[in-house]
């Protein structure tokens, strides 16, 4: 039981390392296609597209990690982002230092 809790905690922490959260992804779009699309703005280090174990389909959202903050700004400056006729919803992930998180929770 403790191991599963530790895995969930690590998963939550790792998501904070991503630069952009993308929602409203069409069912037909794969992580490979997402990486290809976002690579026009810079070097995509990672694309995490979670799947639903029961249905086998992805959950229609993902996290994208870029190499530099400039690449993130390139993505955010373009609007709208459209894949297969659907407008993607983007949100920049805010990175906080540990000291900032502690002071906010106190």
PDB file of N, CA and C in Angstrom:
ATOM      1  N   UNK A   1       0.826  -1.194   0.000  1.00  0.00           N
ATOM      2  CA  UNK A   1       0.000   0.000   0.000  1.00  0.00           C
ATOM      3  C   UNK A   1       0.870   1.257   0.000  1.00  0.00           C
ATOM      4  N   UNK A   2       1.910   1.275   0.814  1.00  0.00           N
ATOM      5  CA  UNK A   2       2.802   2.437   0.888  1.00  0.00           C
ATOM      6  C   UNK A   2       3.503   2.668  -0.441  1.00  0.00           C
ATOM      7  N   UNK A   3       3.822   1.587  -1.144  1.00  0.00           N
ATOM      8  CA  UNK A   3       4.505   1.719  -2.436  1.00  0.00           C
ATOM      9  C   UNK A   3       3.613   2.419  -3.459  1.00  0.00           C
ATOM     10  N   UNK A   4       2.337   2.067  -3.475  1.00  0.00           N
ATOM     11  CA  UNK A   4       1.404   2.706  -4.414  1.00  0.00           C
ATOM     12  C   UNK A   4       1.268   4.187  -4.105  1.00  0.00           C
ATOM     13  N   UNK A   5       1.226   4.527  -2.825  1.00  0.00           N
ATOM     14  CA  UNK A   5       1.139   5.932  -2.424  1.00  0.00           C
ATOM     15  C   UNK A   5       2.388   6.693  -2.861  1.00  0.00           C
ATOM     16  N   UNK A   6       3.532   6.068  -2.732  1.00  0.00           N
ATOM     17  CA  UNK A   6       4.794   6.700  -3.132  1.00  0.00           C
ATOM     18  C   UNK A   6       4.820   6.938  -4.639  1.00  0.00           C
ATOM     19  N   UNK A   7       4.301   6.000  -5.410  1.00  0.00           N
ATOM     20  CA  UNK A   7       4.262   6.147  -6.859  1.00  0.00           C
ATOM     21  C   UNK A   7       3.359   7.309  -7.239  1.00  0.00           C
ATOM     22  N   UNK A   8       2.194   7.421  -6.586  1.00  0.00           N
ATOM     23  CA  UNK A   8       1.280   8.534  -6.876  1.00  0.00           C
ATOM     24  C   UNK A   8       1.942   9.865  -6.548  1.00  0.00           C
ATOM     25  N   UNK A   9       2.662   9.931  -5.423  1.00  0.00           N
ATOM     26  CA  UNK A   9       3.336  11.161  -5.023  1.00  0.00           C
ATOM     27  C   UNK A   9       4.404  11.542  -6.039  1.00  0.00           C
ATOM     28  N   UNK A  10       5.194  10.578  -6.486  1.00  0.00           N
ATOM     29  CA  UNK A  10       6.231  10.847  -7.476  1.00  0.00           C
ATOM     30  C   UNK A  10       5.579  11.308  -8.775  1.00  0.00           C
ATOM     31  N   UNK A  11       4.463  10.695  -9.171  1.00  0.00           N
ATOM     32  CA  UNK A  11       3.758  11.103 -10.387  1.00  0.00           C
ATOM     33  C   UNK A  11       3.303  12.541 -10.304  1.00  0.00           C
ATOM     34  N   UNK A  12       2.775  12.957  -9.157  1.00  0.00           N
ATOM     35  CA  UNK A  12       2.334  14.338  -8.986  1.00  0.00           C
ATOM     36  C   UNK A  12       3.512  15.285  -9.078  1.00  0.00           C
ATOM     37  N   UNK A  13       4.619  14.912  -8.460  1.00  0.00           N
ATOM     38  CA  UNK A  13       5.814  15.767  -8.514  1.00  0.00           C
ATOM     39  C   UNK A  13       6.330  15.889  -9.931  1.00  0.00           C
ATOM     40  N   UNK A  14       6.352  14.785 -10.677  1.00  0.00           N
ATOM     41  CA  UNK A  14       6.918  14.825 -12.027  1.00  0.00           C
ATOM     42  C   UNK A  14       6.097  15.718 -12.946  1.00  0.00           C
ATOM     43  N   UNK A  15       4.778  15.807 -12.751  1.00  0.00           N
ATOM     44  CA  UNK A  15       3.948  16.663 -13.599  1.00  0.00           C
ATOM     45  C   UNK A  15       4.309  18.129 -13.429  1.00  0.00           C
ATOM     46  N   UNK A  16       4.813  18.493 -12.265  1.00  0.00           N
ATOM     47  CA  UNK A  16       5.208  19.884 -12.034  1.00  0.00           C
ATOM     48  C   UNK A  16       6.410  20.277 -12.888  1.00  0.00           C
ATOM     49  N   UNK A  17       7.117  19.300 -13.412  1.00  0.00           N
ATOM     50  CA  UNK A  17       8.307  19.579 -14.215  1.00  0.00           C
ATOM     51  C   UNK A  17       7.960  19.905 -15.664  1.00  0.00           C
ATOM     52  N   UNK A  18       6.698  19.744 -16.038  1.00  0.00           N
ATOM     53  CA  UNK A  18       6.294  20.022 -17.409  1.00  0.00           C
ATOM     54  C   UNK A  18       6.002  21.502 -17.571  1.00  0.00           C
ATOM     55  N   UNK A  19       6.136  21.980 -18.801  1.00  0.00           N
ATOM     56  CA  UNK A  19       5.964  23.396 -19.093  1.00  0.00           C
ATOM     57  C   UNK A  19       4.530  23.767 -19.452  1.00  0.00           C
ATOM     58  N   UNK A  20       3.854  22.896 -20.201  1.00  0.00           N
ATOM     59  CA  UNK A  20       2.528  23.231 -20.717  1.00  0.00           C
ATOM     60  C   UNK A  20       1.574  22.063 -20.513  1.00  0.00           C
ATOM     61  N   UNK A  21       0.359  22.393 -20.094  1.00  0.00           N
ATOM     62  CA  UNK A  21      -0.735  21.439 -19.994  1.00  0.00           C
ATOM     63  C   UNK A  21      -1.638  21.681 -21.203  1.00  0.00           C
ATOM     64  N   UNK A  22      -1.966  20.620 -21.933  1.00  0.00           N
ATOM     65  CA  UNK A  22      -2.796  20.727 -23.127  1.00  0.00           C
ATOM     66  C   UNK A  22      -4.054  19.892 -22.921  1.00  0.00           C
ATOM     67  N   UNK A  23      -5.225  20.506 -23.147  1.00  0.00           N
ATOM     68  CA  UNK A  23      -6.500  19.811 -22.997  1.00  0.00           C
ATOM     69  C   UNK A  23      -7.285  19.896 -24.298  1.00  0.00           C
ATOM     70  N   UNK A  24      -8.403  19.175 -24.340  1.00  0.00           N
ATOM     71  CA  UNK A  24      -9.302  19.142 -25.501  1.00  0.00           C
ATOM     72  C   UNK A  24      -8.630  18.513 -26.728  1.00  0.00           C
ATOM     73  N   UNK A  25      -7.780  17.522 -26.488  1.00  0.00           N
ATOM     74  CA  UNK A  25      -7.090  16.833 -27.578  1.00  0.00           C
ATOM     75  C   UNK A  25      -8.065  15.849 -28.221  1.00  0.00           C
ATOM     76  N   UNK A  26      -8.191  15.869 -29.552  1.00  0.00           N
ATOM     77  CA  UNK A  26      -9.081  14.904 -30.214  1.00  0.00           C
ATOM     78  C   UNK A  26      -8.652  13.467 -29.926  1.00  0.00           C
ATOM     79  N   UNK A  27      -9.625  12.567 -29.876  1.00  0.00           N
ATOM     80  CA  UNK A  27      -9.349  11.152 -29.584  1.00  0.00           C
ATOM     81  C   UNK A  27      -8.382  10.533 -30.569  1.00  0.00           C
ATOM     82  N   UNK A  28      -8.387  11.030 -31.794  1.00  0.00           N
ATOM     83  CA  UNK A  28      -7.607  10.415 -32.867  1.00  0.00           C
ATOM     84  C   UNK A  28      -6.147  10.854 -32.893  1.00  0.00           C
ATOM     85  N   UNK A  29      -5.761  11.802 -32.037  1.00  0.00           N
ATOM     86  CA  UNK A  29      -4.396  12.323 -32.025  1.00  0.00           C
ATOM     87  C   UNK A  29      -3.526  11.501 -31.063  1.00  0.00           C
ATOM     88  N   UNK A  30      -2.343  11.115 -31.526  1.00  0.00           N
ATOM     89  CA  UNK A  30      -1.419  10.321 -30.705  1.00  0.00           C
ATOM     90  C   UNK A  30      -0.335  11.216 -30.096  1.00  0.00           C
ATOM     91  N   UNK A  31       0.416  10.656 -29.165  1.00  0.00           N
ATOM     92  CA  UNK A  31       1.513  11.422 -28.560  1.00  0.00           C
ATOM     93  C   UNK A  31       2.573  11.758 -29.615  1.00  0.00           C
ATOM     94  N   UNK A  32       2.772  10.877 -30.575  1.00  0.00           N
ATOM     95  CA  UNK A  32       3.727  11.150 -31.658  1.00  0.00           C
ATOM     96  C   UNK A  32       3.284  12.374 -32.456  1.00  0.00           C
ATOM     97  N   UNK A  33       1.996  12.452 -32.769  1.00  0.00           N
ATOM     98  CA  UNK A  33       1.473  13.597 -33.524  1.00  0.00           C
ATOM     99  C   UNK A  33       1.566  14.886 -32.703  1.00  0.00           C
ATOM    100  N   UNK A  34       1.332  14.788 -31.405  1.00  0.00           N
ATOM    101  CA  UNK A  34       1.467  15.966 -30.538  1.00  0.00           C
ATOM    102  C   UNK A  34       2.908  16.461 -30.523  1.00  0.00           C
ATOM    103  N   UNK A  35       3.854  15.528 -30.391  1.00  0.00           N
ATOM    104  CA  UNK A  35       5.270  15.912 -30.404  1.00  0.00           C
ATOM    105  C   UNK A  35       5.643  16.576 -31.729  1.00  0.00           C
ATOM    106  N   UNK A  36       5.163  16.005 -32.819  1.00  0.00           N
ATOM    107  CA  UNK A  36       5.451  16.583 -34.135  1.00  0.00           C
ATOM    108  C   UNK A  36       4.871  17.987 -34.252  1.00  0.00           C
ATOM    109  N   UNK A  37       3.631  18.174 -33.789  1.00  0.00           N
ATOM    110  CA  UNK A  37       2.993  19.484 -33.888  1.00  0.00           C
ATOM    111  C   UNK A  37       3.759  20.516 -33.050  1.00  0.00           C
ATOM    112  N   UNK A  38       4.049  20.190 -31.793  1.00  0.00           N
ATOM    113  CA  UNK A  38       4.685  21.161 -30.913  1.00  0.00           C
ATOM    114  C   UNK A  38       6.171  21.348 -31.206  1.00  0.00           C
ATOM    115  N   UNK A  39       6.780  20.464 -31.963  1.00  0.00           N
ATOM    116  CA  UNK A  39       8.196  20.624 -32.302  1.00  0.00           C
ATOM    117  C   UNK A  39       8.428  21.808 -33.242  1.00  0.00           C
ATOM    118  N   UNK A  40       7.376  22.326 -33.866  1.00  0.00           N
ATOM    119  CA  UNK A  40       7.550  23.520 -34.702  1.00  0.00           C
ATOM    120  C   UNK A  40       7.900  24.746 -33.862  1.00  0.00           C
ATOM    121  N   UNK A  41       7.655  24.682 -32.543  1.00  0.00           N
ATOM    122  CA  UNK A  41       7.938  25.798 -31.644  1.00  0.00           C
ATOM    123  C   UNK A  41       9.259  25.636 -30.902  1.00  0.00           C
ATOM    124  N   UNK A  42       9.838  24.443 -30.959  1.00  0.00           N
ATOM    125  CA  UNK A  42      11.104  24.191 -30.279  1.00  0.00           C
ATOM    126  C   UNK A  42      11.287  22.703 -30.037  1.00  0.00           C
ATOM    127  N   UNK A  43      12.301  22.393 -29.272  1.00  0.00           N
ATOM    128  CA  UNK A  43      12.642  21.000 -28.998  1.00  0.00           C
ATOM    129  C   UNK A  43      11.757  20.433 -27.887  1.00  0.00           C
ATOM    130  N   UNK A  44      10.909  19.463 -28.243  1.00  0.00           N
ATOM    131  CA  UNK A  44      10.029  18.813 -27.270  1.00  0.00           C
ATOM    132  C   UNK A  44      10.817  17.699 -26.602  1.00  0.00           C
ATOM    133  N   UNK A  45      11.039  17.849 -25.308  1.00  0.00           N
ATOM    134  CA  UNK A  45      11.783  16.826 -24.576  1.00  0.00           C
ATOM    135  C   UNK A  45      10.896  15.647 -24.212  1.00  0.00           C
ATOM    136  N   UNK A  46       9.629  15.947 -23.901  1.00  0.00           N
ATOM    137  CA  UNK A  46       8.746  14.872 -23.449  1.00  0.00           C
ATOM    138  C   UNK A  46       7.290  15.263 -23.677  1.00  0.00           C
ATOM    139  N   UNK A  47       6.487  14.267 -23.994  1.00  0.00           N
ATOM    140  CA  UNK A  47       5.045  14.437 -24.127  1.00  0.00           C
ATOM    141  C   UNK A  47       4.395  13.307 -23.343  1.00  0.00           C
ATOM    142  N   UNK A  48       3.675  13.644 -22.301  1.00  0.00           N
ATOM    143  CA  UNK A  48       3.027  12.631 -21.471  1.00  0.00           C
ATOM    144  C   UNK A  48       1.525  12.689 -21.727  1.00  0.00           C
ATOM    145  N   UNK A  49       1.009  11.663 -22.403  1.00  0.00           N
ATOM    146  CA  UNK A  49      -0.401  11.550 -22.769  1.00  0.00           C
ATOM    147  C   UNK A  49      -0.980  10.346 -22.028  1.00  0.00           C
ATOM    148  N   UNK A  50      -1.671  10.571 -20.894  1.00  0.00           N
ATOM    149  CA  UNK A  50      -2.172   9.441 -20.098  1.00  0.00           C
ATOM    150  C   UNK A  50      -3.354   8.727 -20.756  1.00  0.00           C
ATOM    151  N   UNK A  51      -3.410   7.429 -20.532  1.00  0.00           N
ATOM    152  CA  UNK A  51      -4.476   6.592 -21.072  1.00  0.00           C
ATOM    153  C   UNK A  51      -5.373   6.067 -19.964  1.00  0.00           C
ATOM    154  N   UNK A  52      -6.631   5.812 -20.312  1.00  0.00           N
ATOM    155  CA  UNK A  52      -7.590   5.196 -19.407  1.00  0.00           C
ATOM    156  C   UNK A  52      -7.461   3.690 -19.579  1.00  0.00           C
ATOM    157  N   UNK A  53      -7.161   2.984 -18.524  1.00  0.00           N
ATOM    158  CA  UNK A  53      -6.954   1.530 -18.620  1.00  0.00           C
ATOM    159  C   UNK A  53      -8.221   0.795 -19.045  1.00  0.00           C
ATOM    160  N   UNK A  54      -9.363   1.283 -18.608  1.00  0.00           N
ATOM    161  CA  UNK A  54     -10.625   0.598 -18.908  1.00  0.00           C
ATOM    162  C   UNK A  54     -11.033   0.737 -20.369  1.00  0.00           C
ATOM    163  N   UNK A  55     -10.912   1.944 -20.916  1.00  0.00           N
ATOM    164  CA  UNK A  55     -11.371   2.180 -22.291  1.00  0.00           C
ATOM    165  C   UNK A  55     -10.277   1.981 -23.329  1.00  0.00           C
ATOM    166  N   UNK A  56      -9.021   2.160 -22.936  1.00  0.00           N
ATOM    167  CA  UNK A  56      -7.924   2.068 -23.885  1.00  0.00           C
ATOM    168  C   UNK A  56      -7.667   3.353 -24.652  1.00  0.00           C
ATOM    169  N   UNK A  57      -8.514   4.359 -24.434  1.00  0.00           N
ATOM    170  CA  UNK A  57      -8.341   5.656 -25.087  1.00  0.00           C
ATOM    171  C   UNK A  57      -7.557   6.595 -24.180  1.00  0.00           C
ATOM    172  N   UNK A  58      -6.903   7.592 -24.798  1.00  0.00           N
ATOM    173  CA  UNK A  58      -6.231   8.581 -23.966  1.00  0.00           C
ATOM    174  C   UNK A  58      -7.274   9.493 -23.334  1.00  0.00           C
ATOM    175  N   UNK A  59      -6.854  10.234 -22.330  1.00  0.00           N
ATOM    176  CA  UNK A  59      -7.778  11.035 -21.523  1.00  0.00           C
ATOM    177  C   UNK A  59      -8.032  12.438 -22.074  1.00  0.00           C
ATOM    178  N   UNK A  60      -7.565  12.703 -23.290  1.00  0.00           N
ATOM    179  CA  UNK A  60      -7.788  13.972 -24.001  1.00  0.00           C
ATOM    180  C   UNK A  60      -7.027  15.147 -23.409  1.00  0.00           C
ATOM    181  N   UNK A  61      -5.981  14.866 -22.631  1.00  0.00           N
ATOM    182  CA  UNK A  61      -5.094  15.918 -22.152  1.00  0.00           C
ATOM    183  C   UNK A  61      -3.689  15.360 -22.051  1.00  0.00           C
ATOM    184  N   UNK A  62      -2.703  16.269 -22.019  1.00  0.00           N
ATOM    185  CA  UNK A  62      -1.311  15.835 -21.898  1.00  0.00           C
ATOM    186  C   UNK A  62      -0.474  16.947 -21.300  1.00  0.00           C
ATOM    187  N   UNK A  63       0.757  16.605 -20.992  1.00  0.00           N
ATOM    188  CA  UNK A  63       1.747  17.574 -20.521  1.00  0.00           C
ATOM    189  C   UNK A  63       2.895  17.555 -21.517  1.00  0.00           C
ATOM    190  N   UNK A  64       3.426  18.743 -21.806  1.00  0.00           N
ATOM    191  CA  UNK A  64       4.535  18.886 -22.759  1.00  0.00           C
ATOM    192  C   UNK A  64       5.704  19.556 -22.050  1.00  0.00           C
ATOM    193  N   UNK A  65       6.911  19.023 -22.272  1.00  0.00           N
ATOM    194  CA  UNK A  65       8.140  19.581 -21.706  1.00  0.00           C
ATOM    195  C   UNK A  65       9.033  20.052 -22.843  1.00  0.00           C
ATOM    196  N   UNK A  66       9.443  21.327 -22.787  1.00  0.00           N
ATOM    197  CA  UNK A  66      10.340  21.914 -23.788  1.00  0.00           C
ATOM    198  C   UNK A  66      11.739  22.091 -23.210  1.00  0.00           C
ATOM    199  N   UNK A  67      12.700  22.356 -24.099  1.00  0.00           N
ATOM    200  CA  UNK A  67      14.094  22.519 -23.678  1.00  0.00           C
ATOM    201  C   UNK A  67      14.363  23.860 -23.013  1.00  0.00           C
ATOM    202  N   UNK A  68      13.706  24.932 -23.510  1.00  0.00           N
ATOM    203  CA  UNK A  68      14.003  26.268 -22.981  1.00  0.00           C
ATOM    204  C   UNK A  68      12.712  27.057 -22.728  1.00  0.00           C
ATOM    205  N   UNK A  69      12.775  28.054 -21.847  1.00  0.00           N
ATOM    206  CA  UNK A  69      11.606  28.924 -21.605  1.00  0.00           C
ATOM    207  C   UNK A  69      11.188  29.703 -22.860  1.00  0.00           C
ATOM    208  N   UNK A  70      12.132  30.007 -23.736  1.00  0.00           N
ATOM    209  CA  UNK A  70      11.818  30.724 -24.975  1.00  0.00           C
ATOM    210  C   UNK A  70      10.896  29.894 -25.859  1.00  0.00           C
ATOM    211  N   UNK A  71      11.128  28.598 -25.887  1.00  0.00           N
ATOM    212  CA  UNK A  71      10.276  27.711 -26.684  1.00  0.00           C
ATOM    213  C   UNK A  71       8.854  27.679 -26.128  1.00  0.00           C
ATOM    214  N   UNK A  72       8.736  27.718 -24.823  1.00  0.00           N
ATOM    215  CA  UNK A  72       7.416  27.761 -24.186  1.00  0.00           C
ATOM    216  C   UNK A  72       6.697  29.042 -24.595  1.00  0.00           C
ATOM    217  N   UNK A  73       7.411  30.157 -24.589  1.00  0.00           N
ATOM    218  CA  UNK A  73       6.813  31.429 -24.982  1.00  0.00           C
ATOM    219  C   UNK A  73       6.386  31.411 -26.454  1.00  0.00           C
ATOM    220  N   UNK A  74       7.158  30.736 -27.309  1.00  0.00           N
ATOM    221  CA  UNK A  74       6.786  30.598 -28.721  1.00  0.00           C
ATOM    222  C   UNK A  74       5.426  29.911 -28.853  1.00  0.00           C
ATOM    223  N   UNK A  75       5.212  28.887 -28.067  1.00  0.00           N
ATOM    224  CA  UNK A  75       3.940  28.151 -28.100  1.00  0.00           C
ATOM    225  C   UNK A  75       2.806  29.039 -27.619  1.00  0.00           C
ATOM    226  N   UNK A  76       3.031  29.731 -26.516  1.00  0.00           N
ATOM    227  CA  UNK A  76       1.969  30.526 -25.910  1.00  0.00           C
ATOM    228  C   UNK A  76       1.602  31.753 -26.748  1.00  0.00           C
ATOM    229  N   UNK A  77       2.531  32.227 -27.576  1.00  0.00           N
ATOM    230  CA  UNK A  77       2.251  33.394 -28.416  1.00  0.00           C
ATOM    231  C   UNK A  77       1.311  33.070 -29.568  1.00  0.00           C
ATOM    232  N   UNK A  78       1.299  31.817 -30.008  1.00  0.00           N
ATOM    233  CA  UNK A  78       0.408  31.430 -31.100  1.00  0.00           C
ATOM    234  C   UNK A  78      -0.947  31.040 -30.512  1.00  0.00           C
ATOM    235  N   UNK A  79      -1.997  31.558 -31.110  1.00  0.00           N
ATOM    236  CA  UNK A  79      -3.333  31.182 -30.687  1.00  0.00           C
ATOM    237  C   UNK A  79      -4.255  31.351 -31.874  1.00  0.00           C
ATOM    238  N   UNK A  80      -5.059  30.452 -32.229  1.00  0.00           N
ATOM    239  CA  UNK A  80      -5.322  29.185 -31.557  1.00  0.00           C
ATOM    240  C   UNK A  80      -4.403  28.064 -32.063  1.00  0.00           C
ATOM    241  N   UNK A  81      -4.354  27.002 -31.299  1.00  0.00           N
ATOM    242  CA  UNK A  81      -3.671  25.769 -31.701  1.00  0.00           C
ATOM    243  C   UNK A  81      -4.775  24.800 -32.116  1.00  0.00           C
ATOM    244  N   UNK A  82      -4.725  24.355 -33.372  1.00  0.00           N
ATOM    245  CA  UNK A  82      -5.783  23.485 -33.886  1.00  0.00           C
ATOM    246  C   UNK A  82      -5.168  22.207 -34.440  1.00  0.00           C
ATOM    247  N   UNK A  83      -5.681  21.075 -33.966  1.00  0.00           N
ATOM    248  CA  UNK A  83      -5.274  19.763 -34.466  1.00  0.00           C
ATOM    249  C   UNK A  83      -6.527  19.015 -34.895  1.00  0.00           C
ATOM    250  N   UNK A  84      -6.520  18.514 -36.109  1.00  0.00           N
ATOM    251  CA  UNK A  84      -7.637  17.753 -36.671  1.00  0.00           C
ATOM    252  C   UNK A  84      -8.972  18.468 -36.477  1.00  0.00           C
ATOM    253  N   UNK A  85      -8.957  19.778 -36.674  1.00  0.00           N
ATOM    254  CA  UNK A  85     -10.175  20.565 -36.606  1.00  0.00           C
ATOM    255  C   UNK A  85     -10.631  20.962 -35.218  1.00  0.00           C
ATOM    256  N   UNK A  86      -9.905  20.554 -34.183  1.00  0.00           N
ATOM    257  CA  UNK A  86     -10.281  20.888 -32.808  1.00  0.00           C
ATOM    258  C   UNK A  86      -9.285  21.870 -32.198  1.00  0.00           C
ATOM    259  N   UNK A  87      -9.821  22.855 -31.497  1.00  0.00           N
ATOM    260  CA  UNK A  87      -8.971  23.847 -30.834  1.00  0.00           C
ATOM    261  C   UNK A  87      -8.471  23.268 -29.515  1.00  0.00           C
ATOM    262  N   UNK A  88      -7.156  23.294 -29.341  1.00  0.00           N
ATOM    263  CA  UNK A  88      -6.547  22.809 -28.105  1.00  0.00           C
ATOM    264  C   UNK A  88      -6.582  23.906 -27.057  1.00  0.00           C
ATOM    265  N   UNK A  89      -6.752  23.517 -25.813  1.00  0.00           N
ATOM    266  CA  UNK A  89      -6.705  24.455 -24.690  1.00  0.00           C
ATOM    267  C   UNK A  89      -5.349  24.305 -24.016  1.00  0.00           C
ATOM    268  N   UNK A  90      -4.555  25.381 -23.978  1.00  0.00           N
ATOM    269  CA  UNK A  90      -3.222  25.340 -23.391  1.00  0.00           C
ATOM    270  C   UNK A  90      -3.159  26.156 -22.114  1.00  0.00           C
ATOM    271  N   UNK A  91      -2.373  25.668 -21.187  1.00  0.00           N
ATOM    272  CA  UNK A  91      -2.162  26.384 -19.937  1.00  0.00           C
ATOM    273  C   UNK A  91      -0.709  26.187 -19.532  1.00  0.00           C
ATOM    274  N   UNK A  92      -0.039  27.279 -19.216  1.00  0.00           N
ATOM    275  CA  UNK A  92       1.358  27.177 -18.796  1.00  0.00           C
ATOM    276  C   UNK A  92       1.411  26.665 -17.362  1.00  0.00           C
ATOM    277  N   UNK A  93       2.269  25.688 -17.130  1.00  0.00           N
ATOM    278  CA  UNK A  93       2.480  25.166 -15.784  1.00  0.00           C
ATOM    279  C   UNK A  93       3.381  26.133 -15.037  1.00  0.00           C
ATOM    280  N   UNK A  94       3.016  26.456 -13.822  1.00  0.00           N
ATOM    281  CA  UNK A  94       3.819  27.375 -13.018  1.00  0.00           C
ATOM    282  C   UNK A  94       4.746  26.566 -12.135  1.00  0.00           C
ATOM    283  N   UNK A  95       6.016  26.872 -12.255  1.00  0.00           N
ATOM    284  CA  UNK A  95       7.013  26.174 -11.426  1.00  0.00           C
ATOM    285  C   UNK A  95       7.292  27.005 -10.196  1.00  0.00           C
ATOM    286  N   UNK A  96       7.160  26.377  -9.056  1.00  0.00           N
ATOM    287  CA  UNK A  96       7.448  27.070  -7.799  1.00  0.00           C
ATOM    288  C   UNK A  96       8.624  26.389  -7.123  1.00  0.00           C
ATOM    289  N   UNK A  97       9.393  27.185  -6.465  1.00  0.00           N
ATOM    290  CA  UNK A  97      10.496  26.615  -5.696  1.00  0.00           C
ATOM    291  C   UNK A  97       9.931  26.032  -4.414  1.00  0.00           C
ATOM    292  N   UNK A  98      10.649  25.093  -3.841  1.00  0.00           N
ATOM    293  CA  UNK A  98      10.196  24.458  -2.608  1.00  0.00           C
ATOM    294  C   UNK A  98       9.936  25.475  -1.507  1.00  0.00           C
ATOM    295  N   UNK A  99      10.800  26.482  -1.404  1.00  0.00           N
ATOM    296  CA  UNK A  99      10.638  27.496  -0.355  1.00  0.00           C
ATOM    297  C   UNK A  99       9.334  28.270  -0.548  1.00  0.00           C
ATOM    298  N   UNK A 100       8.932  28.517  -1.794  1.00  0.00           N
ATOM    299  CA  UNK A 100       7.678  29.215  -2.064  1.00  0.00           C
ATOM    300  C   UNK A 100       6.487  28.346  -1.698  1.00  0.00           C
ATOM    301  N   UNK A 101       6.567  27.034  -1.967  1.00  0.00           N
ATOM    302  CA  UNK A 101       5.459  26.132  -1.635  1.00  0.00           C
ATOM    303  C   UNK A 101       5.286  26.048  -0.129  1.00  0.00           C
ATOM    304  N   UNK A 102       6.391  25.994   0.604  1.00  0.00           N
ATOM    305  CA  UNK A 102       6.309  25.896   2.071  1.00  0.00           C
ATOM    306  C   UNK A 102       5.666  27.145   2.654  1.00  0.00           C
ATOM    307  N   UNK A 103       6.067  28.315   2.169  1.00  0.00           N
ATOM    308  CA  UNK A 103       5.541  29.558   2.748  1.00  0.00           C
ATOM    309  C   UNK A 103       4.065  29.726   2.441  1.00  0.00           C
ATOM    310  N   UNK A 104       3.593  29.202   1.319  1.00  0.00           N
ATOM    311  CA  UNK A 104       2.173  29.312   0.981  1.00  0.00           C
ATOM    312  C   UNK A 104       1.328  28.356   1.813  1.00  0.00           C
ATOM    313  N   UNK A 105       1.887  27.220   2.211  1.00  0.00           N
ATOM    314  CA  UNK A 105       1.117  26.256   2.978  1.00  0.00           C
ATOM    315  C   UNK A 105       1.079  26.589   4.461  1.00  0.00           C
ATOM    316  N   UNK A 106       1.907  27.500   4.899  1.00  0.00           N
ATOM    317  CA  UNK A 106       1.944  27.843   6.330  1.00  0.00           C
ATOM    318  C   UNK A 106       0.906  28.858   6.701  1.00  0.00           C
TER     319      UNK A 106
END
